Amino acid sequence: MCLAIPGKVAGIAEKDGIRTGRVLFGGIARQACLDFVPEAKEGDYVLVHVGFAITVIDKDEAERTYALLESLGVLAEELAPDGAAPAES
């Protein structure tokens, strides 16, 4: 299952005409395309789906959504490194 995961934009760069951001998901940082959210700036929270930030959300909603996804146990699979299986508990 693919979900949109909330994360905090920690840095923004542009390479080859594509605007990307370093997005923090808990203790994990990933690159995400920010072209769909040109208004996003460093410090904002965004929902990221398959590597693309799809909307900017407020901090409270980001924290509630992240906590809900964590309680459902779906974050380990969604945030596992590419090609890696999530750790068994």
PDB file of N, CA and C in Angstrom:
ATOM      1  N   MET A   1       0.842  -1.169   0.000  1.00  0.00           N
ATOM      2  CA  MET A   1       0.000   0.000   0.000  1.00  0.00           C
ATOM      3  C   MET A   1       0.888   1.233   0.000  1.00  0.00           C
ATOM      4  N   CYS A   2       0.563   2.202  -0.810  1.00  0.00           N
ATOM      5  CA  CYS A   2       1.289   3.470  -0.842  1.00  0.00           C
ATOM      6  C   CYS A   2       0.442   4.536  -0.180  1.00  0.00           C
ATOM      7  N   LEU A   3       1.055   5.266   0.725  1.00  0.00           N
ATOM      8  CA  LEU A   3       0.362   6.322   1.457  1.00  0.00           C
ATOM      9  C   LEU A   3       1.086   7.640   1.260  1.00  0.00           C
ATOM     10  N   ALA A   4       0.382   8.721   1.510  1.00  0.00           N
ATOM     11  CA  ALA A   4       1.024  10.027   1.577  1.00  0.00           C
ATOM     12  C   ALA A   4       1.453  10.220   3.030  1.00  0.00           C
ATOM     13  N   ILE A   5       2.730  10.457   3.233  1.00  0.00           N
ATOM     14  CA  ILE A   5       3.307  10.577   4.565  1.00  0.00           C
ATOM     15  C   ILE A   5       3.680  12.040   4.814  1.00  0.00           C
ATOM     16  N   PRO A   6       3.306  12.594   5.980  1.00  0.00           N
ATOM     17  CA  PRO A   6       3.693  13.970   6.282  1.00  0.00           C
ATOM     18  C   PRO A   6       5.153  14.059   6.698  1.00  0.00           C
ATOM     19  N   GLY A   7       5.811  15.097   6.221  1.00  0.00           N
ATOM     20  CA  GLY A   7       7.200  15.339   6.590  1.00  0.00           C
ATOM     21  C   GLY A   7       7.496  16.822   6.572  1.00  0.00           C
ATOM     22  N   LYS A   8       8.610  17.179   7.193  1.00  0.00           N
ATOM     23  CA  LYS A   8       9.016  18.581   7.296  1.00  0.00           C
ATOM     24  C   LYS A   8      10.128  18.871   6.291  1.00  0.00           C
ATOM     25  N   VAL A   9       9.966  19.929   5.523  1.00  0.00           N
ATOM     26  CA  VAL A   9      10.968  20.329   4.535  1.00  0.00           C
ATOM     27  C   VAL A   9      12.171  20.919   5.277  1.00  0.00           C
ATOM     28  N   ALA A  10      13.314  20.245   5.144  1.00  0.00           N
ATOM     29  CA  ALA A  10      14.521  20.673   5.848  1.00  0.00           C
ATOM     30  C   ALA A  10      15.488  21.435   4.947  1.00  0.00           C
ATOM     31  N   GLY A  11      15.294  21.339   3.652  1.00  0.00           N
ATOM     32  CA  GLY A  11      16.164  22.050   2.720  1.00  0.00           C
ATOM     33  C   GLY A  11      15.593  21.964   1.321  1.00  0.00           C
ATOM     34  N   ILE A  12      15.886  22.957   0.504  1.00  0.00           N
ATOM     35  CA  ILE A  12      15.365  23.005  -0.862  1.00  0.00           C
ATOM     36  C   ILE A  12      16.523  23.267  -1.826  1.00  0.00           C
ATOM     37  N   ALA A  13      16.487  22.554  -2.944  1.00  0.00           N
ATOM     38  CA  ALA A  13      17.505  22.741  -3.988  1.00  0.00           C
ATOM     39  C   ALA A  13      16.830  22.588  -5.347  1.00  0.00           C
ATOM     40  N   GLU A  14      17.503  23.057  -6.364  1.00  0.00           N
ATOM     41  CA  GLU A  14      17.011  22.871  -7.730  1.00  0.00           C
ATOM     42  C   GLU A  14      18.131  22.264  -8.552  1.00  0.00           C
ATOM     43  N   LYS A  15      17.787  21.211  -9.276  1.00  0.00           N
ATOM     44  CA  LYS A  15      18.776  20.551 -10.127  1.00  0.00           C
ATOM     45  C   LYS A  15      18.106  20.174 -11.433  1.00  0.00           C
ATOM     46  N   ASP A  16      18.715  20.588 -12.532  1.00  0.00           N
ATOM     47  CA  ASP A  16      18.177  20.302 -13.862  1.00  0.00           C
ATOM     48  C   ASP A  16      16.728  20.768 -14.008  1.00  0.00           C
ATOM     49  N   GLY A  17      16.404  21.906 -13.384  1.00  0.00           N
ATOM     50  CA  GLY A  17      15.072  22.485 -13.502  1.00  0.00           C
ATOM     51  C   GLY A  17      14.016  21.837 -12.627  1.00  0.00           C
ATOM     52  N   ILE A  18      14.423  20.912 -11.756  1.00  0.00           N
ATOM     53  CA  ILE A  18      13.472  20.242 -10.866  1.00  0.00           C
ATOM     54  C   ILE A  18      13.728  20.712  -9.437  1.00  0.00           C
ATOM     55  N   ARG A  19      12.682  21.195  -8.790  1.00  0.00           N
ATOM     56  CA  ARG A  19      12.775  21.677  -7.413  1.00  0.00           C
ATOM     57  C   ARG A  19      12.589  20.491  -6.479  1.00  0.00           C
ATOM     58  N   THR A  20      13.597  20.234  -5.649  1.00  0.00           N
ATOM     59  CA  THR A  20      13.523  19.121  -4.713  1.00  0.00           C
ATOM     60  C   THR A  20      13.736  19.609  -3.303  1.00  0.00           C
ATOM     61  N   GLY A  21      13.324  18.785  -2.371  1.00  0.00           N
ATOM     62  CA  GLY A  21      13.513  19.124  -0.970  1.00  0.00           C
ATOM     63  C   GLY A  21      13.998  17.931  -0.190  1.00  0.00           C
ATOM     64  N   ARG A  22      14.768  18.189   0.830  1.00  0.00           N
ATOM     65  CA  ARG A  22      15.147  17.172   1.809  1.00  0.00           C
ATOM     66  C   ARG A  22      14.042  17.204   2.848  1.00  0.00           C
ATOM     67  N   VAL A  23      13.284  16.112   2.951  1.00  0.00           N
ATOM     68  CA  VAL A  23      12.111  16.069   3.811  1.00  0.00           C
ATOM     69  C   VAL A  23      12.369  15.083   4.944  1.00  0.00           C
ATOM     70  N   LEU A  24      12.067  15.510   6.171  1.00  0.00           N
ATOM     71  CA  LEU A  24      12.272  14.690   7.360  1.00  0.00           C
ATOM     72  C   LEU A  24      10.977  14.002   7.766  1.00  0.00           C
ATOM     73  N   PHE A  25      11.062  12.692   7.931  1.00  0.00           N
ATOM     74  CA  PHE A  25       9.946  11.871   8.403  1.00  0.00           C
ATOM     75  C   PHE A  25      10.407  11.237   9.703  1.00  0.00           C
ATOM     76  N   GLY A  26      10.079  11.839  10.827  1.00  0.00           N
ATOM     77  CA  GLY A  26      10.633  11.345  12.081  1.00  0.00           C
ATOM     78  C   GLY A  26      12.148  11.502  12.013  1.00  0.00           C
ATOM     79  N   GLY A  27      12.890  10.416  12.177  1.00  0.00           N
ATOM     80  CA  GLY A  27      14.342  10.469  12.107  1.00  0.00           C
ATOM     81  C   GLY A  27      14.906  10.107  10.749  1.00  0.00           C
ATOM     82  N   ILE A  28      14.064  10.008   9.722  1.00  0.00           N
ATOM     83  CA  ILE A  28      14.498   9.598   8.391  1.00  0.00           C
ATOM     84  C   ILE A  28      14.383  10.785   7.439  1.00  0.00           C
ATOM     85  N   ALA A  29      15.424  11.005   6.626  1.00  0.00           N
ATOM     86  CA  ALA A  29      15.397  12.075   5.623  1.00  0.00           C
ATOM     87  C   ALA A  29      15.343  11.448   4.238  1.00  0.00           C
ATOM     88  N   ARG A  30      14.496  11.998   3.390  1.00  0.00           N
ATOM     89  CA  ARG A  30      14.370  11.545   2.006  1.00  0.00           C
ATOM     90  C   ARG A  30      14.273  12.759   1.092  1.00  0.00           C
ATOM     91  N   GLN A  31      14.646  12.569  -0.158  1.00  0.00           N
ATOM     92  CA  GLN A  31      14.458  13.598  -1.171  1.00  0.00           C
ATOM     93  C   GLN A  31      13.043  13.464  -1.742  1.00  0.00           C
ATOM     94  N   ALA A  32      12.422  14.599  -2.003  1.00  0.00           N
ATOM     95  CA  ALA A  32      11.088  14.606  -2.612  1.00  0.00           C
ATOM     96  C   ALA A  32      11.024  15.741  -3.628  1.00  0.00           C
ATOM     97  N   CYS A  33      10.299  15.515  -4.695  1.00  0.00           N
ATOM     98  CA  CYS A  33      10.066  16.554  -5.693  1.00  0.00           C
ATOM     99  C   CYS A  33       9.072  17.564  -5.123  1.00  0.00           C
ATOM    100  N   LEU A  34       9.393  18.840  -5.233  1.00  0.00           N
ATOM    101  CA  LEU A  34       8.522  19.903  -4.716  1.00  0.00           C
ATOM    102  C   LEU A  34       7.831  20.686  -5.827  1.00  0.00           C
ATOM    103  N   ASP A  35       7.910  20.216  -7.064  1.00  0.00           N
ATOM    104  CA  ASP A  35       7.332  20.958  -8.181  1.00  0.00           C
ATOM    105  C   ASP A  35       5.818  21.138  -8.076  1.00  0.00           C
ATOM    106  N   PHE A  36       5.115  20.211  -7.428  1.00  0.00           N
ATOM    107  CA  PHE A  36       3.656  20.329  -7.298  1.00  0.00           C
ATOM    108  C   PHE A  36       3.242  21.298  -6.196  1.00  0.00           C
ATOM    109  N   VAL A  37       4.199  21.707  -5.352  1.00  0.00           N
ATOM    110  CA  VAL A  37       3.907  22.641  -4.258  1.00  0.00           C
ATOM    111  C   VAL A  37       4.921  23.793  -4.290  1.00  0.00           C
ATOM    112  N   PRO A  38       4.809  24.647  -5.307  1.00  0.00           N
ATOM    113  CA  PRO A  38       5.789  25.734  -5.439  1.00  0.00           C
ATOM    114  C   PRO A  38       5.788  26.689  -4.246  1.00  0.00           C
ATOM    115  N   GLU A  39       4.695  26.697  -3.474  1.00  0.00           N
ATOM    116  CA  GLU A  39       4.613  27.576  -2.308  1.00  0.00           C
ATOM    117  C   GLU A  39       5.363  27.029  -1.101  1.00  0.00           C
ATOM    118  N   ALA A  40       5.763  25.755  -1.127  1.00  0.00           N
ATOM    119  CA  ALA A  40       6.451  25.132   0.012  1.00  0.00           C
ATOM    120  C   ALA A  40       7.808  25.791   0.224  1.00  0.00           C
ATOM    121  N   LYS A  41       8.115  26.022   1.480  1.00  0.00           N
ATOM    122  CA  LYS A  41       9.400  26.605   1.839  1.00  0.00           C
ATOM    123  C   LYS A  41      10.002  25.811   2.993  1.00  0.00           C
ATOM    124  N   GLU A  42      11.265  26.037   3.250  1.00  0.00           N
ATOM    125  CA  GLU A  42      11.939  25.336   4.335  1.00  0.00           C
ATOM    126  C   GLU A  42      11.188  25.561   5.646  1.00  0.00           C
ATOM    127  N   GLY A  43      10.950  24.473   6.382  1.00  0.00           N
ATOM    128  CA  GLY A  43      10.213  24.546   7.643  1.00  0.00           C
ATOM    129  C   GLY A  43       8.749  24.170   7.498  1.00  0.00           C
ATOM    130  N   ASP A  44       8.226  24.166   6.268  1.00  0.00           N
ATOM    131  CA  ASP A  44       6.832  23.759   6.029  1.00  0.00           C
ATOM    132  C   ASP A  44       6.698  22.247   6.135  1.00  0.00           C
ATOM    133  N   TYR A  45       5.468  21.812   6.350  1.00  0.00           N
ATOM    134  CA  TYR A  45       5.134  20.391   6.352  1.00  0.00           C
ATOM    135  C   TYR A  45       4.391  20.075   5.062  1.00  0.00           C
ATOM    136  N   VAL A  46       4.750  18.950   4.463  1.00  0.00           N
ATOM    137  CA  VAL A  46       4.135  18.531   3.204  1.00  0.00           C
ATOM    138  C   VAL A  46       3.719  17.067   3.306  1.00  0.00           C
ATOM    139  N   LEU A  47       2.731  16.693   2.501  1.00  0.00           N
ATOM    140  CA  LEU A  47       2.381  15.286   2.349  1.00  0.00           C
ATOM    141  C   LEU A  47       3.127  14.781   1.128  1.00  0.00           C
ATOM    142  N   VAL A  48       3.865  13.671   1.296  1.00  0.00           N
ATOM    143  CA  VAL A  48       4.671  13.113   0.217  1.00  0.00           C
ATOM    144  C   VAL A  48       4.110  11.753  -0.177  1.00  0.00           C
ATOM    145  N   HIS A  49       3.855  11.601  -1.473  1.00  0.00           N
ATOM    146  CA  HIS A  49       3.351  10.346  -2.031  1.00  0.00           C
ATOM    147  C   HIS A  49       4.273   9.937  -3.174  1.00  0.00           C
ATOM    148  N   VAL A  50       4.830   8.741  -3.090  1.00  0.00           N
ATOM    149  CA  VAL A  50       5.769   8.182  -4.072  1.00  0.00           C
ATOM    150  C   VAL A  50       6.827   9.193  -4.532  1.00  0.00           C
ATOM    151  N   GLY A  51       7.397   9.920  -3.566  1.00  0.00           N
ATOM    152  CA  GLY A  51       8.488  10.829  -3.880  1.00  0.00           C
ATOM    153  C   GLY A  51       8.096  12.223  -4.318  1.00  0.00           C
ATOM    154  N   PHE A  52       6.795  12.513  -4.347  1.00  0.00           N
ATOM    155  CA  PHE A  52       6.314  13.831  -4.753  1.00  0.00           C
ATOM    156  C   PHE A  52       5.526  14.473  -3.616  1.00  0.00           C
ATOM    157  N   ALA A  53       5.904  15.699  -3.234  1.00  0.00           N
ATOM    158  CA  ALA A  53       5.102  16.451  -2.273  1.00  0.00           C
ATOM    159  C   ALA A  53       3.843  16.891  -3.011  1.00  0.00           C
ATOM    160  N   ILE A  54       2.676  16.558  -2.434  1.00  0.00           N
ATOM    161  CA  ILE A  54       1.426  16.840  -3.138  1.00  0.00           C
ATOM    162  C   ILE A  54       0.611  17.967  -2.514  1.00  0.00           C
ATOM    163  N   THR A  55       0.900  18.330  -1.272  1.00  0.00           N
ATOM    164  CA  THR A  55       0.217  19.460  -0.649  1.00  0.00           C
ATOM    165  C   THR A  55       0.988  19.906   0.585  1.00  0.00           C
ATOM    166  N   VAL A  56       0.822  21.171   0.939  1.00  0.00           N
ATOM    167  CA  VAL A  56       1.391  21.714   2.166  1.00  0.00           C
ATOM    168  C   VAL A  56       0.307  21.601   3.233  1.00  0.00           C
ATOM    169  N   ILE A  57       0.697  21.142   4.426  1.00  0.00           N
ATOM    170  CA  ILE A  57      -0.259  21.033   5.533  1.00  0.00           C
ATOM    171  C   ILE A  57       0.326  21.729   6.759  1.00  0.00           C
ATOM    172  N   ASP A  58      -0.528  21.996   7.754  1.00  0.00           N
ATOM    173  CA  ASP A  58      -0.016  22.650   8.952  1.00  0.00           C
ATOM    174  C   ASP A  58       0.622  21.616   9.890  1.00  0.00           C
ATOM    175  N   LYS A  59       1.416  22.114  10.812  1.00  0.00           N
ATOM    176  CA  LYS A  59       2.186  21.265  11.720  1.00  0.00           C
ATOM    177  C   LYS A  59       1.289  20.335  12.524  1.00  0.00           C
ATOM    178  N   ASP A  60       0.174  20.842  13.046  1.00  0.00           N
ATOM    179  CA  ASP A  60      -0.707  20.008  13.871  1.00  0.00           C
ATOM    180  C   ASP A  60      -1.267  18.837  13.074  1.00  0.00           C
ATOM    181  N   GLU A  61      -1.708  19.102  11.853  1.00  0.00           N
ATOM    182  CA  GLU A  61      -2.232  18.014  11.017  1.00  0.00           C
ATOM    183  C   GLU A  61      -1.131  17.022  10.680  1.00  0.00           C
ATOM    184  N   ALA A  62       0.061  17.507  10.390  1.00  0.00           N
ATOM    185  CA  ALA A  62       1.184  16.617  10.083  1.00  0.00           C
ATOM    186  C   ALA A  62       1.470  15.695  11.267  1.00  0.00           C
ATOM    187  N   GLU A  63       1.500  16.257  12.471  1.00  0.00           N
ATOM    188  CA  GLU A  63       1.791  15.458  13.661  1.00  0.00           C
ATOM    189  C   GLU A  63       0.687  14.441  13.937  1.00  0.00           C
ATOM    190  N   ARG A  64      -0.577  14.841  13.786  1.00  0.00           N
ATOM    191  CA  ARG A  64      -1.701  13.905  13.995  1.00  0.00           C
ATOM    192  C   ARG A  64      -1.663  12.765  12.984  1.00  0.00           C
ATOM    193  N   THR A  65      -1.425  13.101  11.724  1.00  0.00           N
ATOM    194  CA  THR A  65      -1.398  12.084  10.666  1.00  0.00           C
ATOM    195  C   THR A  65      -0.241  11.128  10.873  1.00  0.00           C
ATOM    196  N   TYR A  66       0.938  11.660  11.186  1.00  0.00           N
ATOM    197  CA  TYR A  66       2.113  10.822  11.402  1.00  0.00           C
ATOM    198  C   TYR A  66       1.860   9.865  12.575  1.00  0.00           C
ATOM    199  N   ALA A  67       1.311  10.386  13.669  1.00  0.00           N
ATOM    200  CA  ALA A  67       1.030   9.546  14.846  1.00  0.00           C
ATOM    201  C   ALA A  67       0.019   8.448  14.506  1.00  0.00           C
ATOM    202  N   LEU A  68      -1.009   8.776  13.736  1.00  0.00           N
ATOM    203  CA  LEU A  68      -2.003   7.782  13.344  1.00  0.00           C
ATOM    204  C   LEU A  68      -1.367   6.691  12.492  1.00  0.00           C
ATOM    205  N   LEU A  69      -0.583   7.081  11.491  1.00  0.00           N
ATOM    206  CA  LEU A  69       0.076   6.094  10.630  1.00  0.00           C
ATOM    207  C   LEU A  69       1.035   5.223  11.436  1.00  0.00           C
ATOM    208  N   GLU A  70       1.721   5.835  12.390  1.00  0.00           N
ATOM    209  CA  GLU A  70       2.635   5.079  13.245  1.00  0.00           C
ATOM    210  C   GLU A  70       1.869   4.079  14.105  1.00  0.00           C
ATOM    211  N   SER A  71       0.734   4.503  14.665  1.00  0.00           N
ATOM    212  CA  SER A  71      -0.054   3.597  15.506  1.00  0.00           C
ATOM    213  C   SER A  71      -0.646   2.440  14.708  1.00  0.00           C
ATOM    214  N   LEU A  72      -0.887   2.660  13.424  1.00  0.00           N
ATOM    215  CA  LEU A  72      -1.402   1.593  12.563  1.00  0.00           C
ATOM    216  C   LEU A  72      -0.288   0.650  12.097  1.00  0.00           C
ATOM    217  N   GLY A  73       0.951   1.024  12.356  1.00  0.00           N
ATOM    218  CA  GLY A  73       2.084   0.180  12.003  1.00  0.00           C
ATOM    219  C   GLY A  73       2.454   0.192  10.534  1.00  0.00           C
ATOM    220  N   VAL A  74       2.103   1.234   9.805  1.00  0.00           N
ATOM    221  CA  VAL A  74       2.386   1.260   8.368  1.00  0.00           C
ATOM    222  C   VAL A  74       3.631   2.068   7.993  1.00  0.00           C
ATOM    223  N   LEU A  75       4.200   2.810   8.924  1.00  0.00           N
ATOM    224  CA  LEU A  75       5.344   3.652   8.582  1.00  0.00           C
ATOM    225  C   LEU A  75       6.604   2.856   8.282  1.00  0.00           C
ATOM    226  N   ALA A  76       6.823   1.747   8.974  1.00  0.00           N
ATOM    227  CA  ALA A  76       8.049   0.963   8.744  1.00  0.00           C
ATOM    228  C   ALA A  76       8.132   0.524   7.288  1.00  0.00           C
ATOM    229  N   GLU A  77       7.024   0.066   6.734  1.00  0.00           N
ATOM    230  CA  GLU A  77       7.009  -0.372   5.336  1.00  0.00           C
ATOM    231  C   GLU A  77       7.169   0.807   4.384  1.00  0.00           C
ATOM    232  N   GLU A  78       6.456   1.882   4.647  1.00  0.00           N
ATOM    233  CA  GLU A  78       6.488   3.036   3.748  1.00  0.00           C
ATOM    234  C   GLU A  78       7.831   3.746   3.758  1.00  0.00           C
ATOM    235  N   LEU A  79       8.531   3.752   4.899  1.00  0.00           N
ATOM    236  CA  LEU A  79       9.781   4.491   5.002  1.00  0.00           C
ATOM    237  C   LEU A  79      11.020   3.601   4.929  1.00  0.00           C
ATOM    238  N   ALA A  80      10.835   2.308   4.663  1.00  0.00           N
ATOM    239  CA  ALA A  80      11.990   1.402   4.508  1.00  0.00           C
ATOM    240  C   ALA A  80      12.825   1.867   3.333  1.00  0.00           C
ATOM    241  N   PRO A  81      14.148   1.715   3.433  1.00  0.00           N
ATOM    242  CA  PRO A  81      14.991   2.085   2.285  1.00  0.00           C
ATOM    243  C   PRO A  81      14.540   1.335   1.023  1.00  0.00           C
ATOM    244  N   ASP A  82      14.733   1.959  -0.116  1.00  0.00           N
ATOM    245  CA  ASP A  82      14.318   1.342  -1.384  1.00  0.00           C
ATOM    246  C   ASP A  82      14.847  -0.074  -1.493  1.00  0.00           C
ATOM    247  N   GLY A  83      13.927  -1.005  -1.754  1.00  0.00           N
ATOM    248  CA  GLY A  83      14.291  -2.396  -1.949  1.00  0.00           C
ATOM    249  C   GLY A  83      14.522  -3.174  -0.674  1.00  0.00           C
ATOM    250  N   ALA A  84      14.463  -2.523   0.483  1.00  0.00           N
ATOM    251  CA  ALA A  84      14.701  -3.217   1.749  1.00  0.00           C
ATOM    252  C   ALA A  84      13.372  -3.597   2.389  1.00  0.00           C
ATOM    253  N   ALA A  85      13.358  -4.730   3.006  1.00  0.00           N
ATOM    254  CA  ALA A  85      12.179  -5.145   3.758  1.00  0.00           C
ATOM    255  C   ALA A  85      12.197  -4.454   5.102  1.00  0.00           C
ATOM    256  N   PRO A  86      11.036  -4.092   5.647  1.00  0.00           N
ATOM    257  CA  PRO A  86      11.002  -3.466   6.968  1.00  0.00           C
ATOM    258  C   PRO A  86      11.473  -4.451   8.031  1.00  0.00           C
ATOM    259  N   ALA A  87      12.025  -3.916   9.091  1.00  0.00           N
ATOM    260  CA  ALA A  87      12.516  -4.758  10.189  1.00  0.00           C
ATOM    261  C   ALA A  87      11.345  -5.466  10.864  1.00  0.00           C
ATOM    262  N   GLU A  88      11.548  -6.706  11.223  1.00  0.00           N
ATOM    263  CA  GLU A  88      10.532  -7.467  11.945  1.00  0.00           C
ATOM    264  C   GLU A  88      10.619  -7.093  13.413  1.00  0.00           C
ATOM    265  N   SER A  89       9.458  -7.023  14.069  1.00  0.00           N
ATOM    266  CA  SER A  89       9.490  -6.705  15.507  1.00  0.00           C
ATOM    267  C   SER A  89       9.076  -7.889  16.327  1.00  0.00           C
TER     268      SER A  89
END
